[in-house]
Amino acid sequence: MGLSEEYTVSSQDLASFENSLTPLNTLSTMAGWFFLVVLLVGGLILVVLNIFNLRERKYEIGVLAAIGMKKRKIAMQFVCELFCVTLAAFLIGTTAGACLSVPVTNQLLAGQTASSQTSQEQIAGNFGKDPSQMQAPDNNGGQSMQRGGMQGSGPVSYIDSVTSATDLTVVLQLVGVGILLTIVSSLAAIVTITRYEPLKILSSRT
């Protein structure tokens, strides 16, 4: 709000709210790393599958090139096929994800909440306090704890469920990821097609 760095703003309500988001933030971080792994592995698998698919259709590529079709048009044909498959996969994946995202997220969030509660109980045990008695009124009528140089709030009411995990932003991100993976796999297909020699393909046909 324009205050200088000399000021320190603190709020018990804000601290409690931030603590309640701990399981959700942890789950979000885990989901981000899992997304990166799936993106890398999925891209690699798509490239390999497209290369094998082109090898199976090598004779078709040789015939099209032999009758005069340019390799650029042949490559665009395969790229269009990949985008059609991507569109179908996007519709199926988005529908399934929208239906399963909330129950799966709630189940994972429940596990994170239980883990956070266990961690809080262990911290309370280290201080020799009962978790239900970790609140003490301060001079301002709020609740705080000061022990061993550490200050914290009492038992936290963690967020353990969500009502929605898919929105327009998520859908647009999925579209972007799908297009990115399709472009990467398409580049591999284009490079493979441009290296094929139609006469060699037809002459090696048995």
C-alpha atoms as a PDB file:
ATOM      1  CA  MET A   1       0.000   0.000   0.000  1.00  0.00           C
ATOM      2  CA  GLY A   2       2.960   2.326  -0.469  1.00  0.00           C
ATOM      3  CA  LEU A   3       4.599   1.881   2.940  1.00  0.00           C
ATOM      4  CA  SER A   4       8.375   2.087   3.088  1.00  0.00           C
ATOM      5  CA  GLU A   5      10.537  -0.922   3.944  1.00  0.00           C
ATOM      6  CA  GLU A   6      10.916   0.414   7.491  1.00  0.00           C
ATOM      7  CA  TYR A   7       7.453  -0.905   8.337  1.00  0.00           C
ATOM      8  CA  THR A   8       6.618  -4.517   9.152  1.00  0.00           C
ATOM      9  CA  VAL A   9       2.992  -5.516   8.673  1.00  0.00           C
ATOM     10  CA  SER A  10       1.721  -8.563  10.558  1.00  0.00           C
ATOM     11  CA  SER A  11      -1.726 -10.037  11.014  1.00  0.00           C
ATOM     12  CA  GLN A  12      -2.948 -13.107  12.844  1.00  0.00           C
ATOM     13  CA  ASP A  13      -5.757 -13.490  10.316  1.00  0.00           C
ATOM     14  CA  LEU A  14      -3.303 -13.309   7.409  1.00  0.00           C
ATOM     15  CA  ALA A  15      -0.928 -15.786   9.060  1.00  0.00           C
ATOM     16  CA  SER A  16      -3.772 -18.215   9.737  1.00  0.00           C
ATOM     17  CA  PHE A  17      -4.978 -17.920   6.167  1.00  0.00           C
ATOM     18  CA  GLU A  18      -1.505 -18.527   4.744  1.00  0.00           C
ATOM     19  CA  ASN A  19      -1.026 -21.523   7.030  1.00  0.00           C
ATOM     20  CA  SER A  20      -4.362 -22.964   5.933  1.00  0.00           C
ATOM     21  CA  LEU A  21      -3.096 -22.935   2.331  1.00  0.00           C
ATOM     22  CA  THR A  22       0.023 -24.991   3.116  1.00  0.00           C
ATOM     23  CA  PRO A  23      -1.362 -28.351   1.849  1.00  0.00           C
ATOM     24  CA  LEU A  24      -2.751 -26.694  -1.276  1.00  0.00           C
ATOM     25  CA  ASN A  25       0.540 -24.951  -2.052  1.00  0.00           C
ATOM     26  CA  THR A  26       2.480 -28.181  -1.497  1.00  0.00           C
ATOM     27  CA  LEU A  27       0.133 -30.067  -3.798  1.00  0.00           C
ATOM     28  CA  SER A  28       0.454 -27.312  -6.403  1.00  0.00           C
ATOM     29  CA  THR A  29       4.250 -27.576  -6.335  1.00  0.00           C
ATOM     30  CA  MET A  30       4.129 -31.349  -6.679  1.00  0.00           C
ATOM     31  CA  ALA A  31       1.681 -31.043  -9.574  1.00  0.00           C
ATOM     32  CA  GLY A  32       3.992 -28.572 -11.313  1.00  0.00           C
ATOM     33  CA  TRP A  33       6.970 -30.940 -11.159  1.00  0.00           C
ATOM     34  CA  PHE A  34       4.796 -33.854 -12.247  1.00  0.00           C
ATOM     35  CA  PHE A  35       3.574 -31.761 -15.180  1.00  0.00           C
ATOM     36  CA  LEU A  36       7.137 -31.052 -16.321  1.00  0.00           C
ATOM     37  CA  VAL A  37       8.053 -34.747 -16.145  1.00  0.00           C
ATOM     38  CA  VAL A  38       4.954 -35.748 -18.109  1.00  0.00           C
ATOM     39  CA  LEU A  39       5.653 -33.013 -20.665  1.00  0.00           C
ATOM     40  CA  LEU A  40       9.215 -34.184 -21.283  1.00  0.00           C
ATOM     41  CA  VAL A  41       8.419 -37.907 -21.304  1.00  0.00           C
ATOM     42  CA  GLY A  42       5.255 -37.387 -23.349  1.00  0.00           C
ATOM     43  CA  GLY A  43       7.100 -35.311 -25.946  1.00  0.00           C
ATOM     44  CA  LEU A  44       9.808 -37.948 -26.284  1.00  0.00           C
ATOM     45  CA  ILE A  45       7.240 -40.740 -26.647  1.00  0.00           C
ATOM     46  CA  LEU A  46       5.311 -38.790 -29.298  1.00  0.00           C
ATOM     47  CA  VAL A  47       8.470 -38.206 -31.324  1.00  0.00           C
ATOM     48  CA  VAL A  48       9.369 -41.910 -31.213  1.00  0.00           C
ATOM     49  CA  LEU A  49       5.822 -42.995 -32.133  1.00  0.00           C
ATOM     50  CA  ASN A  50       5.722 -40.595 -35.075  1.00  0.00           C
ATOM     51  CA  ILE A  51       9.051 -41.871 -36.392  1.00  0.00           C
ATOM     52  CA  PHE A  52       7.822 -45.469 -36.196  1.00  0.00           C
ATOM     53  CA  ASN A  53       4.563 -44.443 -37.864  1.00  0.00           C
ATOM     54  CA  LEU A  54       6.466 -42.837 -40.737  1.00  0.00           C
ATOM     55  CA  ARG A  55       8.571 -45.952 -41.187  1.00  0.00           C
ATOM     56  CA  GLU A  56       5.411 -48.011 -41.482  1.00  0.00           C
ATOM     57  CA  ARG A  57       4.102 -45.593 -44.132  1.00  0.00           C
ATOM     58  CA  LYS A  58       7.388 -45.200 -45.955  1.00  0.00           C
ATOM     59  CA  TYR A  59       6.033 -46.810 -49.141  1.00  0.00           C
ATOM     60  CA  GLU A  60       3.087 -44.396 -49.163  1.00  0.00           C
ATOM     61  CA  ILE A  61       5.510 -41.475 -48.910  1.00  0.00           C
ATOM     62  CA  GLY A  62       7.605 -42.927 -51.745  1.00  0.00           C
ATOM     63  CA  VAL A  63       4.579 -43.285 -54.028  1.00  0.00           C
ATOM     64  CA  LEU A  64       3.371 -39.741 -53.320  1.00  0.00           C
ATOM     65  CA  ALA A  65       6.833 -38.340 -54.002  1.00  0.00           C
ATOM     66  CA  ALA A  66       7.252 -40.463 -57.138  1.00  0.00           C
ATOM     67  CA  ILE A  67       4.039 -39.141 -58.720  1.00  0.00           C
ATOM     68  CA  GLY A  68       5.243 -35.566 -58.242  1.00  0.00           C
ATOM     69  CA  MET A  69       3.935 -34.425 -54.866  1.00  0.00           C
ATOM     70  CA  LYS A  70       6.422 -32.175 -53.130  1.00  0.00           C
ATOM     71  CA  LYS A  71       7.870 -33.286 -49.839  1.00  0.00           C
ATOM     72  CA  ARG A  72       6.574 -30.090 -48.273  1.00  0.00           C
ATOM     73  CA  LYS A  73       2.988 -31.067 -49.092  1.00  0.00           C
ATOM     74  CA  ILE A  74       3.559 -34.621 -47.896  1.00  0.00           C
ATOM     75  CA  ALA A  75       4.892 -33.277 -44.617  1.00  0.00           C
ATOM     76  CA  MET A  76       1.916 -30.922 -44.252  1.00  0.00           C
ATOM     77  CA  GLN A  77      -0.412 -33.876 -44.768  1.00  0.00           C
ATOM     78  CA  PHE A  78       1.164 -35.701 -41.835  1.00  0.00           C
ATOM     79  CA  VAL A  79       1.133 -32.529 -39.723  1.00  0.00           C
ATOM     80  CA  CYS A  80      -2.609 -32.083 -40.388  1.00  0.00           C
ATOM     81  CA  GLU A  81      -3.188 -35.699 -39.379  1.00  0.00           C
ATOM     82  CA  LEU A  82      -1.300 -35.106 -36.132  1.00  0.00           C
ATOM     83  CA  PHE A  83      -3.357 -32.016 -35.344  1.00  0.00           C
ATOM     84  CA  CYS A  84      -6.584 -33.953 -35.967  1.00  0.00           C
ATOM     85  CA  VAL A  85      -5.436 -36.623 -33.525  1.00  0.00           C
ATOM     86  CA  THR A  86      -4.434 -33.887 -31.070  1.00  0.00           C
ATOM     87  CA  LEU A  87      -7.901 -32.309 -31.303  1.00  0.00           C
ATOM     88  CA  ALA A  88      -9.621 -35.624 -30.594  1.00  0.00           C
ATOM     89  CA  ALA A  89      -7.241 -36.356 -27.710  1.00  0.00           C
ATOM     90  CA  PHE A  90      -7.781 -32.845 -26.320  1.00  0.00           C
ATOM     91  CA  LEU A  91     -11.567 -33.243 -26.287  1.00  0.00           C
ATOM     92  CA  ILE A  92     -11.377 -36.652 -24.611  1.00  0.00           C
ATOM     93  CA  GLY A  93      -8.676 -35.599 -22.144  1.00  0.00           C
ATOM     94  CA  THR A  94     -10.356 -32.333 -21.170  1.00  0.00           C
ATOM     95  CA  THR A  95     -13.699 -34.031 -20.576  1.00  0.00           C
ATOM     96  CA  ALA A  96     -12.153 -36.799 -18.498  1.00  0.00           C
ATOM     97  CA  GLY A  97      -9.950 -34.334 -16.620  1.00  0.00           C
ATOM     98  CA  ALA A  98     -12.856 -32.027 -15.784  1.00  0.00           C
ATOM     99  CA  CYS A  99     -14.812 -34.971 -14.360  1.00  0.00           C
ATOM    100  CA  LEU A 100     -11.942 -36.510 -12.379  1.00  0.00           C
ATOM    101  CA  SER A 101      -9.958 -33.427 -11.334  1.00  0.00           C
ATOM    102  CA  VAL A 102     -12.065 -32.498  -8.292  1.00  0.00           C
ATOM    103  CA  PRO A 103     -12.251 -35.951  -6.606  1.00  0.00           C
ATOM    104  CA  VAL A 104      -8.601 -36.710  -7.361  1.00  0.00           C
ATOM    105  CA  THR A 105      -7.501 -33.284  -6.095  1.00  0.00           C
ATOM    106  CA  ASN A 106      -9.550 -33.662  -2.924  1.00  0.00           C
ATOM    107  CA  GLN A 107      -8.079 -37.089  -2.258  1.00  0.00           C
ATOM    108  CA  LEU A 108      -4.516 -35.827  -2.706  1.00  0.00           C
ATOM    109  CA  LEU A 109      -5.307 -32.708  -0.686  1.00  0.00           C
ATOM    110  CA  ALA A 110      -6.645 -34.834   2.163  1.00  0.00           C
ATOM    111  CA  GLY A 111      -3.330 -36.675   2.289  1.00  0.00           C
ATOM    112  CA  GLN A 112      -1.380 -33.412   2.335  1.00  0.00           C
ATOM    113  CA  THR A 113      -3.654 -32.048   5.063  1.00  0.00           C
ATOM    114  CA  ALA A 114      -3.078 -35.122   7.235  1.00  0.00           C
ATOM    115  CA  SER A 115       0.669 -34.770   6.694  1.00  0.00           C
ATOM    116  CA  SER A 116       0.602 -31.088   7.663  1.00  0.00           C
ATOM    117  CA  GLN A 117      -1.434 -31.811  10.777  1.00  0.00           C
ATOM    118  CA  THR A 118       0.998 -34.549  11.787  1.00  0.00           C
ATOM    119  CA  SER A 119       3.905 -32.146  11.303  1.00  0.00           C
ATOM    120  CA  GLN A 120       2.175 -29.510  13.430  1.00  0.00           C
ATOM    121  CA  GLU A 121       1.568 -32.045  16.208  1.00  0.00           C
ATOM    122  CA  GLN A 122       5.230 -33.049  16.139  1.00  0.00           C
ATOM    123  CA  ILE A 123       6.306 -29.410  16.430  1.00  0.00           C
ATOM    124  CA  ALA A 124       3.894 -28.937  19.336  1.00  0.00           C
ATOM    125  CA  GLY A 125       5.340 -32.039  21.004  1.00  0.00           C
ATOM    126  CA  ASN A 126       8.850 -30.642  20.671  1.00  0.00           C
ATOM    127  CA  PHE A 127       7.692 -27.542  22.536  1.00  0.00           C
ATOM    128  CA  GLY A 128       6.058 -29.706  25.205  1.00  0.00           C
ATOM    129  CA  LYS A 129       2.618 -28.312  24.400  1.00  0.00           C
ATOM    130  CA  ASP A 130      -0.673 -29.895  23.502  1.00  0.00           C
ATOM    131  CA  PRO A 131      -1.710 -28.767  19.965  1.00  0.00           C
ATOM    132  CA  SER A 132      -5.104 -27.719  21.316  1.00  0.00           C
ATOM    133  CA  GLN A 133      -3.396 -25.496  23.917  1.00  0.00           C
ATOM    134  CA  MET A 134      -0.936 -23.749  21.630  1.00  0.00           C
ATOM    135  CA  GLN A 135      -2.984 -20.546  21.660  1.00  0.00           C
ATOM    136  CA  ALA A 136      -2.520 -17.832  24.202  1.00  0.00           C
ATOM    137  CA  PRO A 137      -4.161 -14.395  24.174  1.00  0.00           C
ATOM    138  CA  ASP A 138      -1.856 -11.471  23.531  1.00  0.00           C
ATOM    139  CA  ASN A 139      -2.193  -7.889  24.669  1.00  0.00           C
ATOM    140  CA  ASN A 140      -4.330  -6.973  21.678  1.00  0.00           C
ATOM    141  CA  GLY A 141      -6.887  -9.688  22.244  1.00  0.00           C
ATOM    142  CA  GLY A 142      -5.414 -11.824  19.475  1.00  0.00           C
ATOM    143  CA  GLN A 143      -3.793 -15.222  19.870  1.00  0.00           C
ATOM    144  CA  SER A 144      -0.103 -15.936  19.572  1.00  0.00           C
ATOM    145  CA  MET A 145       2.651 -18.185  20.961  1.00  0.00           C
ATOM    146  CA  GLN A 146       6.187 -17.203  21.900  1.00  0.00           C
ATOM    147  CA  ARG A 147       8.582 -19.964  22.943  1.00  0.00           C
ATOM    148  CA  GLY A 148      12.217 -20.651  22.166  1.00  0.00           C
ATOM    149  CA  GLY A 149      12.451 -17.611  19.899  1.00  0.00           C
ATOM    150  CA  MET A 150       9.684 -18.858  17.614  1.00  0.00           C
ATOM    151  CA  GLN A 151       6.282 -17.315  17.182  1.00  0.00           C
ATOM    152  CA  GLY A 152       3.309 -19.000  15.583  1.00  0.00           C
ATOM    153  CA  SER A 153      -0.433 -19.296  15.670  1.00  0.00           C
ATOM    154  CA  GLY A 154      -2.543 -22.035  17.175  1.00  0.00           C
ATOM    155  CA  PRO A 155      -4.126 -25.027  15.473  1.00  0.00           C
ATOM    156  CA  VAL A 156      -4.691 -24.279  11.812  1.00  0.00           C
ATOM    157  CA  SER A 157      -7.876 -25.127   9.934  1.00  0.00           C
ATOM    158  CA  TYR A 158      -6.350 -26.431   6.720  1.00  0.00           C
ATOM    159  CA  ILE A 159      -8.157 -26.327   3.395  1.00  0.00           C
ATOM    160  CA  ASP A 160      -8.838 -29.978   2.687  1.00  0.00           C
ATOM    161  CA  SER A 161     -11.208 -29.812  -0.294  1.00  0.00           C
ATOM    162  CA  VAL A 162     -11.857 -27.832  -3.453  1.00  0.00           C
ATOM    163  CA  THR A 163     -15.006 -27.443  -5.517  1.00  0.00           C
ATOM    164  CA  SER A 164     -13.365 -26.800  -8.871  1.00  0.00           C
ATOM    165  CA  ALA A 165      -9.976 -27.643 -10.356  1.00  0.00           C
ATOM    166  CA  THR A 166     -10.594 -26.779 -14.018  1.00  0.00           C
ATOM    167  CA  ASP A 167     -11.317 -23.365 -15.493  1.00  0.00           C
ATOM    168  CA  LEU A 168     -10.764 -21.473 -18.733  1.00  0.00           C
ATOM    169  CA  THR A 169      -7.130 -20.762 -17.848  1.00  0.00           C
ATOM    170  CA  VAL A 170      -6.417 -24.460 -17.340  1.00  0.00           C
ATOM    171  CA  VAL A 171      -8.141 -25.327 -20.628  1.00  0.00           C
ATOM    172  CA  LEU A 172      -6.093 -22.720 -22.502  1.00  0.00           C
ATOM    173  CA  GLN A 173      -2.915 -24.067 -20.918  1.00  0.00           C
ATOM    174  CA  LEU A 174      -3.863 -27.571 -22.043  1.00  0.00           C
ATOM    175  CA  VAL A 175      -4.417 -26.267 -25.581  1.00  0.00           C
ATOM    176  CA  GLY A 176      -0.990 -24.648 -25.527  1.00  0.00           C
ATOM    177  CA  VAL A 177       0.686 -27.820 -24.284  1.00  0.00           C
ATOM    178  CA  GLY A 178      -1.105 -29.918 -26.905  1.00  0.00           C
ATOM    179  CA  ILE A 179      -0.058 -27.572 -29.696  1.00  0.00           C
ATOM    180  CA  LEU A 180       3.530 -27.506 -28.404  1.00  0.00           C
ATOM    181  CA  LEU A 181       3.780 -31.311 -28.298  1.00  0.00           C
ATOM    182  CA  THR A 182       2.228 -31.587 -31.752  1.00  0.00           C
ATOM    183  CA  ILE A 183       4.688 -29.086 -33.208  1.00  0.00           C
ATOM    184  CA  VAL A 184       7.659 -30.909 -31.651  1.00  0.00           C
ATOM    185  CA  SER A 185       6.503 -34.287 -32.961  1.00  0.00           C
ATOM    186  CA  SER A 186       5.661 -32.721 -36.334  1.00  0.00           C
ATOM    187  CA  LEU A 187       9.184 -31.355 -36.683  1.00  0.00           C
ATOM    188  CA  ALA A 188      10.537 -34.868 -36.188  1.00  0.00           C
ATOM    189  CA  ALA A 189       8.137 -36.128 -38.867  1.00  0.00           C
ATOM    190  CA  ILE A 190       9.126 -33.367 -41.296  1.00  0.00           C
ATOM    191  CA  VAL A 191      12.839 -34.042 -40.846  1.00  0.00           C
ATOM    192  CA  THR A 192      12.287 -37.768 -41.399  1.00  0.00           C
ATOM    193  CA  ILE A 193      10.201 -37.232 -44.531  1.00  0.00           C
ATOM    194  CA  THR A 194      12.705 -34.854 -46.122  1.00  0.00           C
ATOM    195  CA  ARG A 195      15.430 -37.495 -45.756  1.00  0.00           C
ATOM    196  CA  TYR A 196      13.496 -40.154 -47.668  1.00  0.00           C
ATOM    197  CA  GLU A 197      14.420 -40.819 -51.309  1.00  0.00           C
ATOM    198  CA  PRO A 198      11.352 -42.035 -53.255  1.00  0.00           C
ATOM    199  CA  LEU A 199      13.291 -44.160 -55.776  1.00  0.00           C
ATOM    200  CA  LYS A 200      15.165 -45.989 -53.028  1.00  0.00           C
ATOM    201  CA  ILE A 201      11.916 -46.589 -51.166  1.00  0.00           C
ATOM    202  CA  LEU A 202      10.166 -48.053 -54.223  1.00  0.00           C
ATOM    203  CA  SER A 203      13.147 -50.137 -55.298  1.00  0.00           C
ATOM    204  CA  SER A 204      13.477 -51.687 -51.832  1.00  0.00           C
ATOM    205  CA  ARG A 205       9.794 -52.685 -51.777  1.00  0.00           C
ATOM    206  CA  THR A 206       9.399 -56.463 -51.617  1.00  0.00           C
END
